[in-house]
């Protein structure tokens, strides 16, 4: 399992790259409602970056269950490898 602080830091980098901003506060409860410009295309970019960075392939069921960033960070922490 990857440490929460490491996962948090990597997601800060992913969001900075995807949204080209450094002011997004990464948290478990963060969702598309909270970030201007987070649409379906950005969601795909976030998922692809997560899969690439953590070396995981998300299942359809996992993708359907993503209600906030915390869900994605938990998958990355438990199944990911750096």
PDB file of N, CA and C in Angstrom:
ATOM      1  N   UNK A   1       0.846  -1.186   0.000  1.00  0.00           N
ATOM      2  CA  UNK A   1       0.000   0.000   0.000  1.00  0.00           C
ATOM      3  C   UNK A   1       0.886   1.243   0.000  1.00  0.00           C
ATOM      4  N   UNK A   2       0.494   2.206  -0.794  1.00  0.00           N
ATOM      5  CA  UNK A   2       1.250   3.450  -0.906  1.00  0.00           C
ATOM      6  C   UNK A   2       0.750   4.423   0.168  1.00  0.00           C
ATOM      7  N   UNK A   3       1.675   5.104   0.815  1.00  0.00           N
ATOM      8  CA  UNK A   3       1.335   6.042   1.891  1.00  0.00           C
ATOM      9  C   UNK A   3       0.412   7.154   1.388  1.00  0.00           C
ATOM     10  N   UNK A   4      -0.520   7.545   2.237  1.00  0.00           N
ATOM     11  CA  UNK A   4      -1.491   8.585   1.883  1.00  0.00           C
ATOM     12  C   UNK A   4      -0.823   9.890   1.472  1.00  0.00           C
ATOM     13  N   UNK A   5       0.251  10.252   2.139  1.00  0.00           N
ATOM     14  CA  UNK A   5       0.925  11.512   1.808  1.00  0.00           C
ATOM     15  C   UNK A   5       1.516  11.467   0.401  1.00  0.00           C
ATOM     16  N   UNK A   6       2.018  10.308   0.009  1.00  0.00           N
ATOM     17  CA  UNK A   6       2.580  10.144  -1.336  1.00  0.00           C
ATOM     18  C   UNK A   6       1.463  10.216  -2.372  1.00  0.00           C
ATOM     19  N   UNK A   7       0.371   9.511  -2.115  1.00  0.00           N
ATOM     20  CA  UNK A   7      -0.778   9.522  -3.028  1.00  0.00           C
ATOM     21  C   UNK A   7      -1.308  10.946  -3.182  1.00  0.00           C
ATOM     22  N   UNK A   8      -1.459  11.640  -2.083  1.00  0.00           N
ATOM     23  CA  UNK A   8      -1.956  13.023  -2.091  1.00  0.00           C
ATOM     24  C   UNK A   8      -1.051  13.910  -2.943  1.00  0.00           C
ATOM     25  N   UNK A   9       0.248  13.775  -2.763  1.00  0.00           N
ATOM     26  CA  UNK A   9       1.214  14.575  -3.507  1.00  0.00           C
ATOM     27  C   UNK A   9       1.143  14.288  -5.010  1.00  0.00           C
ATOM     28  N   UNK A  10       1.021  13.028  -5.361  1.00  0.00           N
ATOM     29  CA  UNK A  10       0.938  12.656  -6.777  1.00  0.00           C
ATOM     30  C   UNK A  10      -0.347  13.195  -7.397  1.00  0.00           C
ATOM     31  N   UNK A  11      -1.454  13.124  -6.672  1.00  0.00           N
ATOM     32  CA  UNK A  11      -2.701  13.669  -7.214  1.00  0.00           C
ATOM     33  C   UNK A  11      -2.642  15.184  -7.334  1.00  0.00           C
ATOM     34  N   UNK A  12      -1.920  15.856  -6.468  1.00  0.00           N
ATOM     35  CA  UNK A  12      -1.730  17.301  -6.619  1.00  0.00           C
ATOM     36  C   UNK A  12      -1.015  17.584  -7.941  1.00  0.00           C
ATOM     37  N   UNK A  13      -0.020  16.761  -8.279  1.00  0.00           N
ATOM     38  CA  UNK A  13       0.695  16.905  -9.551  1.00  0.00           C
ATOM     39  C   UNK A  13      -0.224  16.606 -10.733  1.00  0.00           C
ATOM     40  N   UNK A  14      -1.004  15.534 -10.628  1.00  0.00           N
ATOM     41  CA  UNK A  14      -1.926  15.166 -11.707  1.00  0.00           C
ATOM     42  C   UNK A  14      -2.913  16.304 -11.964  1.00  0.00           C
ATOM     43  N   UNK A  15      -3.515  16.838 -10.911  1.00  0.00           N
ATOM     44  CA  UNK A  15      -4.496  17.911 -11.082  1.00  0.00           C
ATOM     45  C   UNK A  15      -3.845  19.181 -11.613  1.00  0.00           C
ATOM     46  N   UNK A  16      -2.634  19.455 -11.190  1.00  0.00           N
ATOM     47  CA  UNK A  16      -1.914  20.612 -11.709  1.00  0.00           C
ATOM     48  C   UNK A  16      -1.682  20.461 -13.212  1.00  0.00           C
ATOM     49  N   UNK A  17      -1.304  19.260 -13.640  1.00  0.00           N
ATOM     50  CA  UNK A  17      -1.070  19.003 -15.064  1.00  0.00           C
ATOM     51  C   UNK A  17      -2.367  19.050 -15.874  1.00  0.00           C
ATOM     52  N   UNK A  18      -3.409  18.404 -15.377  1.00  0.00           N
ATOM     53  CA  UNK A  18      -4.671  18.313 -16.115  1.00  0.00           C
ATOM     54  C   UNK A  18      -5.355  19.676 -16.229  1.00  0.00           C
ATOM     55  N   UNK A  19      -5.393  20.425 -15.141  1.00  0.00           N
ATOM     56  CA  UNK A  19      -6.117  21.696 -15.128  1.00  0.00           C
ATOM     57  C   UNK A  19      -5.212  22.905 -15.343  1.00  0.00           C
ATOM     58  N   UNK A  20      -3.898  22.672 -15.392  1.00  0.00           N
ATOM     59  CA  UNK A  20      -2.913  23.730 -15.580  1.00  0.00           C
ATOM     60  C   UNK A  20      -3.065  24.842 -14.549  1.00  0.00           C
ATOM     61  N   UNK A  21      -3.292  24.422 -13.293  1.00  0.00           N
ATOM     62  CA  UNK A  21      -3.378  25.344 -12.161  1.00  0.00           C
ATOM     63  C   UNK A  21      -2.840  24.645 -10.925  1.00  0.00           C
ATOM     64  N   UNK A  22      -2.341  25.440 -10.008  1.00  0.00           N
ATOM     65  CA  UNK A  22      -1.774  24.905  -8.768  1.00  0.00           C
ATOM     66  C   UNK A  22      -2.629  25.214  -7.542  1.00  0.00           C
ATOM     67  N   UNK A  23      -3.807  25.778  -7.743  1.00  0.00           N
ATOM     68  CA  UNK A  23      -4.602  26.241  -6.602  1.00  0.00           C
ATOM     69  C   UNK A  23      -5.744  25.296  -6.214  1.00  0.00           C
ATOM     70  N   UNK A  24      -5.755  24.085  -6.741  1.00  0.00           N
ATOM     71  CA  UNK A  24      -6.822  23.138  -6.411  1.00  0.00           C
ATOM     72  C   UNK A  24      -6.434  22.386  -5.142  1.00  0.00           C
ATOM     73  N   UNK A  25      -7.266  22.510  -4.118  1.00  0.00           N
ATOM     74  CA  UNK A  25      -7.006  21.844  -2.835  1.00  0.00           C
ATOM     75  C   UNK A  25      -7.448  20.384  -2.938  1.00  0.00           C
ATOM     76  N   UNK A  26      -6.490  19.485  -2.914  1.00  0.00           N
ATOM     77  CA  UNK A  26      -6.750  18.053  -3.045  1.00  0.00           C
ATOM     78  C   UNK A  26      -7.314  17.520  -1.727  1.00  0.00           C
ATOM     79  N   UNK A  27      -8.474  16.848  -1.827  1.00  0.00           N
ATOM     80  CA  UNK A  27      -9.085  16.249  -0.639  1.00  0.00           C
ATOM     81  C   UNK A  27      -9.916  15.044  -1.056  1.00  0.00           C
ATOM     82  N   UNK A  28     -10.263  14.217  -0.082  1.00  0.00           N
ATOM     83  CA  UNK A  28     -11.091  13.039  -0.353  1.00  0.00           C
ATOM     84  C   UNK A  28     -12.454  13.411  -0.917  1.00  0.00           C
ATOM     85  N   UNK A  29     -12.978  14.545  -0.527  1.00  0.00           N
ATOM     86  CA  UNK A  29     -14.333  14.925  -0.932  1.00  0.00           C
ATOM     87  C   UNK A  29     -14.383  15.732  -2.227  1.00  0.00           C
ATOM     88  N   UNK A  30     -13.243  16.045  -2.798  1.00  0.00           N
ATOM     89  CA  UNK A  30     -13.194  16.835  -4.030  1.00  0.00           C
ATOM     90  C   UNK A  30     -13.926  16.103  -5.151  1.00  0.00           C
ATOM     91  N   UNK A  31     -14.756  16.841  -5.881  1.00  0.00           N
ATOM     92  CA  UNK A  31     -15.485  16.250  -7.008  1.00  0.00           C
ATOM     93  C   UNK A  31     -15.597  17.283  -8.126  1.00  0.00           C
ATOM     94  N   UNK A  32     -16.182  16.862  -9.235  1.00  0.00           N
ATOM     95  CA  UNK A  32     -16.320  17.743 -10.395  1.00  0.00           C
ATOM     96  C   UNK A  32     -17.102  19.012 -10.066  1.00  0.00           C
ATOM     97  N   UNK A  33     -18.015  18.931  -9.120  1.00  0.00           N
ATOM     98  CA  UNK A  33     -18.784  20.125  -8.721  1.00  0.00           C
ATOM     99  C   UNK A  33     -17.887  21.209  -8.136  1.00  0.00           C
ATOM    100  N   UNK A  34     -16.738  20.807  -7.611  1.00  0.00           N
ATOM    101  CA  UNK A  34     -15.870  21.742  -6.899  1.00  0.00           C
ATOM    102  C   UNK A  34     -14.835  22.438  -7.779  1.00  0.00           C
ATOM    103  N   UNK A  35     -14.623  21.932  -8.988  1.00  0.00           N
ATOM    104  CA  UNK A  35     -13.540  22.448  -9.828  1.00  0.00           C
ATOM    105  C   UNK A  35     -14.105  22.921 -11.166  1.00  0.00           C
ATOM    106  N   UNK A  36     -13.955  24.199 -11.421  1.00  0.00           N
ATOM    107  CA  UNK A  36     -14.411  24.750 -12.691  1.00  0.00           C
ATOM    108  C   UNK A  36     -13.649  24.084 -13.838  1.00  0.00           C
ATOM    109  N   UNK A  37     -14.383  23.642 -14.840  1.00  0.00           N
ATOM    110  CA  UNK A  37     -13.758  23.018 -15.999  1.00  0.00           C
ATOM    111  C   UNK A  37     -13.610  21.510 -15.911  1.00  0.00           C
ATOM    112  N   UNK A  38     -14.012  20.922 -14.788  1.00  0.00           N
ATOM    113  CA  UNK A  38     -13.916  19.462 -14.641  1.00  0.00           C
ATOM    114  C   UNK A  38     -15.132  18.858 -15.337  1.00  0.00           C
ATOM    115  N   UNK A  39     -14.938  18.484 -16.580  1.00  0.00           N
ATOM    116  CA  UNK A  39     -15.998  17.873 -17.363  1.00  0.00           C
ATOM    117  C   UNK A  39     -15.620  16.432 -17.681  1.00  0.00           C
ATOM    118  N   UNK A  40     -16.366  15.795 -18.573  1.00  0.00           N
ATOM    119  CA  UNK A  40     -16.104  14.383 -18.872  1.00  0.00           C
ATOM    120  C   UNK A  40     -14.735  14.186 -19.516  1.00  0.00           C
ATOM    121  N   UNK A  41     -14.269  15.150 -20.289  1.00  0.00           N
ATOM    122  CA  UNK A  41     -12.950  15.029 -20.897  1.00  0.00           C
ATOM    123  C   UNK A  41     -11.846  15.118 -19.844  1.00  0.00           C
ATOM    124  N   UNK A  42     -12.005  16.024 -18.913  1.00  0.00           N
ATOM    125  CA  UNK A  42     -11.028  16.133 -17.819  1.00  0.00           C
ATOM    126  C   UNK A  42     -11.051  14.873 -16.963  1.00  0.00           C
ATOM    127  N   UNK A  43     -12.237  14.302 -16.761  1.00  0.00           N
ATOM    128  CA  UNK A  43     -12.343  13.059 -15.995  1.00  0.00           C
ATOM    129  C   UNK A  43     -11.516  11.961 -16.664  1.00  0.00           C
ATOM    130  N   UNK A  44     -11.608  11.872 -17.988  1.00  0.00           N
ATOM    131  CA  UNK A  44     -10.824  10.872 -18.720  1.00  0.00           C
ATOM    132  C   UNK A  44      -9.336  11.138 -18.537  1.00  0.00           C
ATOM    133  N   UNK A  45      -8.924  12.391 -18.619  1.00  0.00           N
ATOM    134  CA  UNK A  45      -7.514  12.738 -18.429  1.00  0.00           C
ATOM    135  C   UNK A  45      -7.033  12.353 -17.029  1.00  0.00           C
ATOM    136  N   UNK A  46      -7.853  12.613 -16.024  1.00  0.00           N
ATOM    137  CA  UNK A  46      -7.493  12.274 -14.639  1.00  0.00           C
ATOM    138  C   UNK A  46      -7.334  10.770 -14.494  1.00  0.00           C
ATOM    139  N   UNK A  47      -8.281  10.017 -15.037  1.00  0.00           N
ATOM    140  CA  UNK A  47      -8.221   8.551 -14.940  1.00  0.00           C
ATOM    141  C   UNK A  47      -6.999   8.018 -15.682  1.00  0.00           C
ATOM    142  N   UNK A  48      -6.756   8.514 -16.889  1.00  0.00           N
ATOM    143  CA  UNK A  48      -5.602   8.039 -17.663  1.00  0.00           C
ATOM    144  C   UNK A  48      -4.288   8.359 -16.952  1.00  0.00           C
ATOM    145  N   UNK A  49      -4.185   9.555 -16.399  1.00  0.00           N
ATOM    146  CA  UNK A  49      -2.969   9.932 -15.672  1.00  0.00           C
ATOM    147  C   UNK A  49      -2.790   9.068 -14.434  1.00  0.00           C
ATOM    148  N   UNK A  50      -3.891   8.764 -13.758  1.00  0.00           N
ATOM    149  CA  UNK A  50      -3.835   7.901 -12.572  1.00  0.00           C
ATOM    150  C   UNK A  50      -3.362   6.507 -12.946  1.00  0.00           C
ATOM    151  N   UNK A  51      -3.944   5.947 -14.002  1.00  0.00           N
ATOM    152  CA  UNK A  51      -3.552   4.608 -14.444  1.00  0.00           C
ATOM    153  C   UNK A  51      -2.075   4.567 -14.823  1.00  0.00           C
ATOM    154  N   UNK A  52      -1.633   5.587 -15.534  1.00  0.00           N
ATOM    155  CA  UNK A  52      -0.228   5.630 -15.955  1.00  0.00           C
ATOM    156  C   UNK A  52       0.709   5.806 -14.765  1.00  0.00           C
ATOM    157  N   UNK A  53       0.395   6.743 -13.906  1.00  0.00           N
ATOM    158  CA  UNK A  53       1.294   7.073 -12.792  1.00  0.00           C
ATOM    159  C   UNK A  53       1.376   5.967 -11.745  1.00  0.00           C
ATOM    160  N   UNK A  54       0.251   5.289 -11.502  1.00  0.00           N
ATOM    161  CA  UNK A  54       0.213   4.262 -10.464  1.00  0.00           C
ATOM    162  C   UNK A  54       0.296   2.842 -11.020  1.00  0.00           C
ATOM    163  N   UNK A  55       0.343   2.703 -12.341  1.00  0.00           N
ATOM    164  CA  UNK A  55       0.475   1.385 -12.945  1.00  0.00           C
ATOM    165  C   UNK A  55      -0.723   0.488 -12.722  1.00  0.00           C
ATOM    166  N   UNK A  56      -1.918   1.073 -12.755  1.00  0.00           N
ATOM    167  CA  UNK A  56      -3.146   0.294 -12.553  1.00  0.00           C
ATOM    168  C   UNK A  56      -4.057   0.459 -13.767  1.00  0.00           C
ATOM    169  N   UNK A  57      -4.965  -0.463 -13.931  1.00  0.00           N
ATOM    170  CA  UNK A  57      -6.020  -0.369 -14.939  1.00  0.00           C
ATOM    171  C   UNK A  57      -7.335  -0.466 -14.197  1.00  0.00           C
ATOM    172  N   UNK A  58      -8.110   0.601 -14.205  1.00  0.00           N
ATOM    173  CA  UNK A  58      -9.380   0.614 -13.486  1.00  0.00           C
ATOM    174  C   UNK A  58     -10.427  -0.206 -14.232  1.00  0.00           C
ATOM    175  N   UNK A  59     -11.224  -0.936 -13.482  1.00  0.00           N
ATOM    176  CA  UNK A  59     -12.308  -1.719 -14.060  1.00  0.00           C
ATOM    177  C   UNK A  59     -13.514  -0.817 -14.308  1.00  0.00           C
ATOM    178  N   UNK A  60     -14.452  -1.317 -15.090  1.00  0.00           N
ATOM    179  CA  UNK A  60     -15.687  -0.564 -15.334  1.00  0.00           C
ATOM    180  C   UNK A  60     -16.432  -0.298 -14.033  1.00  0.00           C
ATOM    181  N   UNK A  61     -16.461  -1.294 -13.160  1.00  0.00           N
ATOM    182  CA  UNK A  61     -17.144  -1.129 -11.869  1.00  0.00           C
ATOM    183  C   UNK A  61     -16.470  -0.048 -11.031  1.00  0.00           C
ATOM    184  N   UNK A  62     -15.137  -0.018 -11.040  1.00  0.00           N
ATOM    185  CA  UNK A  62     -14.417   1.018 -10.289  1.00  0.00           C
ATOM    186  C   UNK A  62     -14.718   2.398 -10.863  1.00  0.00           C
ATOM    187  N   UNK A  63     -14.713   2.501 -12.188  1.00  0.00           N
ATOM    188  CA  UNK A  63     -15.003   3.783 -12.825  1.00  0.00           C
ATOM    189  C   UNK A  63     -16.410   4.258 -12.488  1.00  0.00           C
ATOM    190  N   UNK A  64     -17.359   3.343 -12.492  1.00  0.00           N
ATOM    191  CA  UNK A  64     -18.740   3.697 -12.152  1.00  0.00           C
ATOM    192  C   UNK A  64     -18.878   4.150 -10.705  1.00  0.00           C
ATOM    193  N   UNK A  65     -17.993   3.677  -9.834  1.00  0.00           N
ATOM    194  CA  UNK A  65     -18.074   3.996  -8.417  1.00  0.00           C
ATOM    195  C   UNK A  65     -17.339   5.253  -8.003  1.00  0.00           C
ATOM    196  N   UNK A  66     -16.736   5.952  -8.950  1.00  0.00           N
ATOM    197  CA  UNK A  66     -15.975   7.156  -8.615  1.00  0.00           C
ATOM    198  C   UNK A  66     -16.918   8.333  -8.390  1.00  0.00           C
ATOM    199  N   UNK A  67     -17.191   8.633  -7.142  1.00  0.00           N
ATOM    200  CA  UNK A  67     -18.075   9.755  -6.798  1.00  0.00           C
ATOM    201  C   UNK A  67     -17.286  10.980  -6.343  1.00  0.00           C
ATOM    202  N   UNK A  68     -16.046  10.744  -5.951  1.00  0.00           N
ATOM    203  CA  UNK A  68     -15.177  11.846  -5.525  1.00  0.00           C
ATOM    204  C   UNK A  68     -13.725  11.393  -5.644  1.00  0.00           C
ATOM    205  N   UNK A  69     -12.825  12.307  -5.415  1.00  0.00           N
ATOM    206  CA  UNK A  69     -11.410  11.992  -5.561  1.00  0.00           C
ATOM    207  C   UNK A  69     -10.947  10.959  -4.548  1.00  0.00           C
ATOM    208  N   UNK A  70     -11.551  10.936  -3.376  1.00  0.00           N
ATOM    209  CA  UNK A  70     -11.174   9.963  -2.355  1.00  0.00           C
ATOM    210  C   UNK A  70     -11.288   8.535  -2.849  1.00  0.00           C
ATOM    211  N   UNK A  71     -12.332   8.242  -3.614  1.00  0.00           N
ATOM    212  CA  UNK A  71     -12.514   6.890  -4.154  1.00  0.00           C
ATOM    213  C   UNK A  71     -11.361   6.525  -5.077  1.00  0.00           C
ATOM    214  N   UNK A  72     -10.946   7.460  -5.904  1.00  0.00           N
ATOM    215  CA  UNK A  72      -9.838   7.206  -6.824  1.00  0.00           C
ATOM    216  C   UNK A  72      -8.513   7.091  -6.072  1.00  0.00           C
ATOM    217  N   UNK A  73      -8.322   7.925  -5.062  1.00  0.00           N
ATOM    218  CA  UNK A  73      -7.084   7.859  -4.278  1.00  0.00           C
ATOM    219  C   UNK A  73      -6.979   6.539  -3.518  1.00  0.00           C
ATOM    220  N   UNK A  74      -8.094   6.016  -3.030  1.00  0.00           N
ATOM    221  CA  UNK A  74      -8.066   4.719  -2.330  1.00  0.00           C
ATOM    222  C   UNK A  74      -7.659   3.590  -3.276  1.00  0.00           C
ATOM    223  N   UNK A  75      -8.172   3.613  -4.493  1.00  0.00           N
ATOM    224  CA  UNK A  75      -7.781   2.605  -5.480  1.00  0.00           C
ATOM    225  C   UNK A  75      -6.289   2.715  -5.761  1.00  0.00           C
ATOM    226  N   UNK A  76      -5.813   3.931  -5.978  1.00  0.00           N
ATOM    227  CA  UNK A  76      -4.393   4.144  -6.263  1.00  0.00           C
ATOM    228  C   UNK A  76      -3.521   3.683  -5.101  1.00  0.00           C
ATOM    229  N   UNK A  77      -3.938   3.973  -3.881  1.00  0.00           N
ATOM    230  CA  UNK A  77      -3.142   3.614  -2.699  1.00  0.00           C
ATOM    231  C   UNK A  77      -3.077   2.107  -2.492  1.00  0.00           C
ATOM    232  N   UNK A  78      -4.180   1.407  -2.746  1.00  0.00           N
ATOM    233  CA  UNK A  78      -4.215  -0.030  -2.461  1.00  0.00           C
ATOM    234  C   UNK A  78      -3.719  -0.886  -3.615  1.00  0.00           C
ATOM    235  N   UNK A  79      -3.967  -0.458  -4.846  1.00  0.00           N
ATOM    236  CA  UNK A  79      -3.579  -1.289  -5.985  1.00  0.00           C
ATOM    237  C   UNK A  79      -2.380  -0.753  -6.747  1.00  0.00           C
ATOM    238  N   UNK A  80      -2.025   0.494  -6.496  1.00  0.00           N
ATOM    239  CA  UNK A  80      -0.971   1.125  -7.271  1.00  0.00           C
ATOM    240  C   UNK A  80       0.421   0.645  -6.911  1.00  0.00           C
ATOM    241  N   UNK A  81       1.306   0.899  -7.838  1.00  0.00           N
ATOM    242  CA  UNK A  81       2.729   0.635  -7.610  1.00  0.00           C
ATOM    243  C   UNK A  81       3.509   1.763  -8.284  1.00  0.00           C
ATOM    244  N   UNK A  82       4.538   2.189  -7.611  1.00  0.00           N
ATOM    245  CA  UNK A  82       5.331   3.310  -8.137  1.00  0.00           C
ATOM    246  C   UNK A  82       6.647   2.825  -8.677  1.00  0.00           C
TER     247      UNK A  82
END
